[in-house]
Amino acid sequence: MIFAAIALTICAPGPRDNCVVDGDTFWLAGEKIRIADIDAPEISRPKCAEERATGERATRRLLVLLNSGPFELHRRGEDRYGRTLAVVVNDRGSVGDQLVSEGLARTWTGRRESWCDAS
C-alpha cells in the first residue's frame, strides 16, 4: 500500500496517530510500525548523551523522510511487542538504508548494540 500526503508529527504523550516515535518506530493510521531492517538509537531511555543526540537526529530525519513524498510499507509480521514490522520504501529506496547511510541507524543484525563510546 502506498501512503502519500500524510502529515506526520513527532509523537507527544497521550494517544498517538500519524506520528514518529523515534528513528525506527512510527504510528500510521493507528498502527504502530517498527522499521524491520534497522536499529536506531533510543531516545526514551538512552544509555548516554551521544545515544540521545543521535536518536533525536534520527527521529527528526525519519519524520522528514516520511513526510517528503509517497512511501510504501512492505509488512513482515509483528515483533514481540505487537508492532508491525515493515520495510519502508520511498522513491530513493529503503528508508532504513537511507538512515544507515547517514549514520543515524544501523542495519539490524538480530540484536541491539551500544550507541555509546566504550572508552
C-alpha atoms as a PDB file:
ATOM      1  CA  MET A   1       0.000   0.000   0.000  1.00  0.00           C
ATOM      2  CA  ILE A   2       1.305   3.457  -0.907  1.00  0.00           C
ATOM      3  CA  PHE A   3       0.929   6.314   1.566  1.00  0.00           C
ATOM      4  CA  ALA A   4       1.092   9.922   0.438  1.00  0.00           C
ATOM      5  CA  ALA A   5       0.128  13.338   1.775  1.00  0.00           C
ATOM      6  CA  ILE A   6       0.098  12.211   5.401  1.00  0.00           C
ATOM      7  CA  ALA A   7       1.445  14.928   7.674  1.00  0.00           C
ATOM      8  CA  LEU A   8       3.226  13.053  10.431  1.00  0.00           C
ATOM      9  CA  THR A   9       4.485  14.863  13.536  1.00  0.00           C
ATOM     10  CA  ILE A  10       6.775  13.934  16.419  1.00  0.00           C
ATOM     11  CA  CYS A  11       4.691  11.889  18.885  1.00  0.00           C
ATOM     12  CA  ALA A  12       3.524  13.661  22.018  1.00  0.00           C
ATOM     13  CA  PRO A  13       2.362  11.967  25.220  1.00  0.00           C
ATOM     14  CA  GLY A  14      -1.132  10.537  25.045  1.00  0.00           C
ATOM     15  CA  PRO A  15      -2.982   8.899  22.169  1.00  0.00           C
ATOM     16  CA  ARG A  16      -0.814   8.514  19.091  1.00  0.00           C
ATOM     17  CA  ASP A  17      -1.762   8.598  15.441  1.00  0.00           C
ATOM     18  CA  ASN A  18       0.347   9.572  12.415  1.00  0.00           C
ATOM     19  CA  CYS A  19       3.498  10.445  14.324  1.00  0.00           C
ATOM     20  CA  VAL A  20       7.137   9.427  14.682  1.00  0.00           C
ATOM     21  CA  VAL A  21       8.181   7.867  17.999  1.00  0.00           C
ATOM     22  CA  ASP A  22      11.907   7.595  17.307  1.00  0.00           C
ATOM     23  CA  GLY A  23      14.327   6.783  14.486  1.00  0.00           C
ATOM     24  CA  ASP A  24      12.857   3.355  13.764  1.00  0.00           C
ATOM     25  CA  THR A  25       9.251   3.453  15.032  1.00  0.00           C
ATOM     26  CA  PHE A  26       6.193   5.428  13.978  1.00  0.00           C
ATOM     27  CA  TRP A  27       2.402   5.370  14.126  1.00  0.00           C
ATOM     28  CA  LEU A  28       0.397   5.418  10.917  1.00  0.00           C
ATOM     29  CA  ALA A  29      -3.413   5.424  10.881  1.00  0.00           C
ATOM     30  CA  GLY A  30      -3.468   3.878  14.361  1.00  0.00           C
ATOM     31  CA  GLU A  31      -0.901   1.158  13.562  1.00  0.00           C
ATOM     32  CA  LYS A  32       2.468   1.112  15.370  1.00  0.00           C
ATOM     33  CA  ILE A  33       5.192   0.311  12.840  1.00  0.00           C
ATOM     34  CA  ARG A  34       8.796  -0.712  13.533  1.00  0.00           C
ATOM     35  CA  ILE A  35      11.170  -0.418  10.587  1.00  0.00           C
ATOM     36  CA  ALA A  36      12.271  -4.027  10.154  1.00  0.00           C
ATOM     37  CA  ASP A  37      15.719  -3.629   8.627  1.00  0.00           C
ATOM     38  CA  ILE A  38      17.362  -1.162  11.037  1.00  0.00           C
ATOM     39  CA  ASP A  39      18.122  -0.321  14.648  1.00  0.00           C
ATOM     40  CA  ALA A  40      18.157   3.351  15.641  1.00  0.00           C
ATOM     41  CA  PRO A  41      19.375   4.863  18.923  1.00  0.00           C
ATOM     42  CA  GLU A  42      16.943   5.118  21.819  1.00  0.00           C
ATOM     43  CA  ILE A  43      15.558   8.458  22.915  1.00  0.00           C
ATOM     44  CA  SER A  44      13.218   7.291  25.671  1.00  0.00           C
ATOM     45  CA  ARG A  45      15.906   5.534  27.759  1.00  0.00           C
ATOM     46  CA  PRO A  46      19.280   6.302  26.198  1.00  0.00           C
ATOM     47  CA  LYS A  47      22.377   4.887  27.850  1.00  0.00           C
ATOM     48  CA  CYS A  48      24.448   8.032  27.199  1.00  0.00           C
ATOM     49  CA  ALA A  49      24.207  11.583  25.850  1.00  0.00           C
ATOM     50  CA  GLU A  50      25.599  10.518  22.467  1.00  0.00           C
ATOM     51  CA  GLU A  51      22.828   7.955  22.035  1.00  0.00           C
ATOM     52  CA  ARG A  52      20.160  10.545  22.912  1.00  0.00           C
ATOM     53  CA  ALA A  53      21.600  13.129  20.499  1.00  0.00           C
ATOM     54  CA  THR A  54      21.906  10.667  17.611  1.00  0.00           C
ATOM     55  CA  GLY A  55      18.463   9.281  18.414  1.00  0.00           C
ATOM     56  CA  GLU A  56      16.925  12.751  18.262  1.00  0.00           C
ATOM     57  CA  ARG A  57      18.600  13.400  14.890  1.00  0.00           C
ATOM     58  CA  ALA A  58      17.343  10.022  13.614  1.00  0.00           C
ATOM     59  CA  THR A  59      13.812  10.830  14.801  1.00  0.00           C
ATOM     60  CA  ARG A  60      13.775  14.190  13.015  1.00  0.00           C
ATOM     61  CA  ARG A  61      15.254  12.663   9.854  1.00  0.00           C
ATOM     62  CA  LEU A  62      12.687   9.838   9.777  1.00  0.00           C
ATOM     63  CA  LEU A  63       9.961  12.469  10.086  1.00  0.00           C
ATOM     64  CA  VAL A  64      11.379  14.346   7.082  1.00  0.00           C
ATOM     65  CA  LEU A  65      11.733  11.162   5.009  1.00  0.00           C
ATOM     66  CA  LEU A  66       8.169  10.042   5.706  1.00  0.00           C
ATOM     67  CA  ASN A  67       6.727  13.489   5.013  1.00  0.00           C
ATOM     68  CA  SER A  68       8.776  14.145   1.858  1.00  0.00           C
ATOM     69  CA  GLY A  69       6.618  12.102  -0.500  1.00  0.00           C
ATOM     70  CA  PRO A  70       4.848   8.825  -1.086  1.00  0.00           C
ATOM     71  CA  PHE A  71       6.178   5.709   0.632  1.00  0.00           C
ATOM     72  CA  GLU A  72       5.261   2.054   0.745  1.00  0.00           C
ATOM     73  CA  LEU A  73       5.168  -0.424   3.606  1.00  0.00           C
ATOM     74  CA  HIS A  74       6.304  -3.980   2.972  1.00  0.00           C
ATOM     75  CA  ARG A  75       4.923  -5.704   6.067  1.00  0.00           C
ATOM     76  CA  ARG A  76       6.891  -8.603   7.562  1.00  0.00           C
ATOM     77  CA  GLY A  77       4.699  -9.623  10.516  1.00  0.00           C
ATOM     78  CA  GLU A  78       4.903  -8.424  14.116  1.00  0.00           C
ATOM     79  CA  ASP A  79       7.624  -8.172  16.727  1.00  0.00           C
ATOM     80  CA  ARG A  80       7.331  -9.400  20.306  1.00  0.00           C
ATOM     81  CA  TYR A  81       5.814  -6.058  21.341  1.00  0.00           C
ATOM     82  CA  GLY A  82       2.972  -6.305  18.800  1.00  0.00           C
ATOM     83  CA  ARG A  83       4.407  -3.666  16.467  1.00  0.00           C
ATOM     84  CA  THR A  84       4.075  -4.236  12.747  1.00  0.00           C
ATOM     85  CA  LEU A  85       7.492  -4.964  11.248  1.00  0.00           C
ATOM     86  CA  ALA A  86       7.851  -3.359   7.832  1.00  0.00           C
ATOM     87  CA  VAL A  87      10.448  -2.282   5.338  1.00  0.00           C
ATOM     88  CA  VAL A  88       9.616   1.304   4.356  1.00  0.00           C
ATOM     89  CA  VAL A  89      10.401   2.294   0.772  1.00  0.00           C
ATOM     90  CA  ASN A  90      10.240   5.725  -0.868  1.00  0.00           C
ATOM     91  CA  ASP A  91      11.347   6.908  -4.309  1.00  0.00           C
ATOM     92  CA  ARG A  92      15.018   6.659  -3.184  1.00  0.00           C
ATOM     93  CA  GLY A  93      14.703   3.065  -1.916  1.00  0.00           C
ATOM     94  CA  SER A  94      14.701   1.724   1.634  1.00  0.00           C
ATOM     95  CA  VAL A  95      14.194   4.453   4.228  1.00  0.00           C
ATOM     96  CA  GLY A  96      16.151   2.251   6.628  1.00  0.00           C
ATOM     97  CA  ASP A  97      19.109   2.147   4.240  1.00  0.00           C
ATOM     98  CA  GLN A  98      18.949   5.935   3.933  1.00  0.00           C
ATOM     99  CA  LEU A  99      19.148   6.327   7.727  1.00  0.00           C
ATOM    100  CA  VAL A 100      22.035   3.837   7.879  1.00  0.00           C
ATOM    101  CA  SER A 101      23.952   5.672   5.133  1.00  0.00           C
ATOM    102  CA  GLU A 102      23.568   8.914   7.105  1.00  0.00           C
ATOM    103  CA  GLY A 103      24.927   7.314  10.310  1.00  0.00           C
ATOM    104  CA  LEU A 104      21.571   7.613  12.083  1.00  0.00           C
ATOM    105  CA  ALA A 105      20.808   3.882  12.287  1.00  0.00           C
ATOM    106  CA  ARG A 106      22.478   0.501  11.882  1.00  0.00           C
ATOM    107  CA  THR A 107      21.457  -2.436   9.760  1.00  0.00           C
ATOM    108  CA  TRP A 108      19.535  -4.818  12.031  1.00  0.00           C
ATOM    109  CA  THR A 109      21.679  -7.851  12.890  1.00  0.00           C
ATOM    110  CA  GLY A 110      19.230  -9.541  15.240  1.00  0.00           C
ATOM    111  CA  ARG A 111      20.478  -7.880  18.412  1.00  0.00           C
ATOM    112  CA  ARG A 112      20.922  -4.389  19.800  1.00  0.00           C
ATOM    113  CA  GLU A 113      24.384  -2.911  20.055  1.00  0.00           C
ATOM    114  CA  SER A 114      25.521   0.038  22.162  1.00  0.00           C
ATOM    115  CA  TRP A 115      25.472   3.531  20.698  1.00  0.00           C
ATOM    116  CA  CYS A 116      27.755   4.756  23.492  1.00  0.00           C
ATOM    117  CA  ASP A 117      31.516   5.126  23.192  1.00  0.00           C
ATOM    118  CA  ALA A 118      33.195   2.296  25.123  1.00  0.00           C
ATOM    119  CA  SER A 119      36.246   4.363  26.103  1.00  0.00           C
END
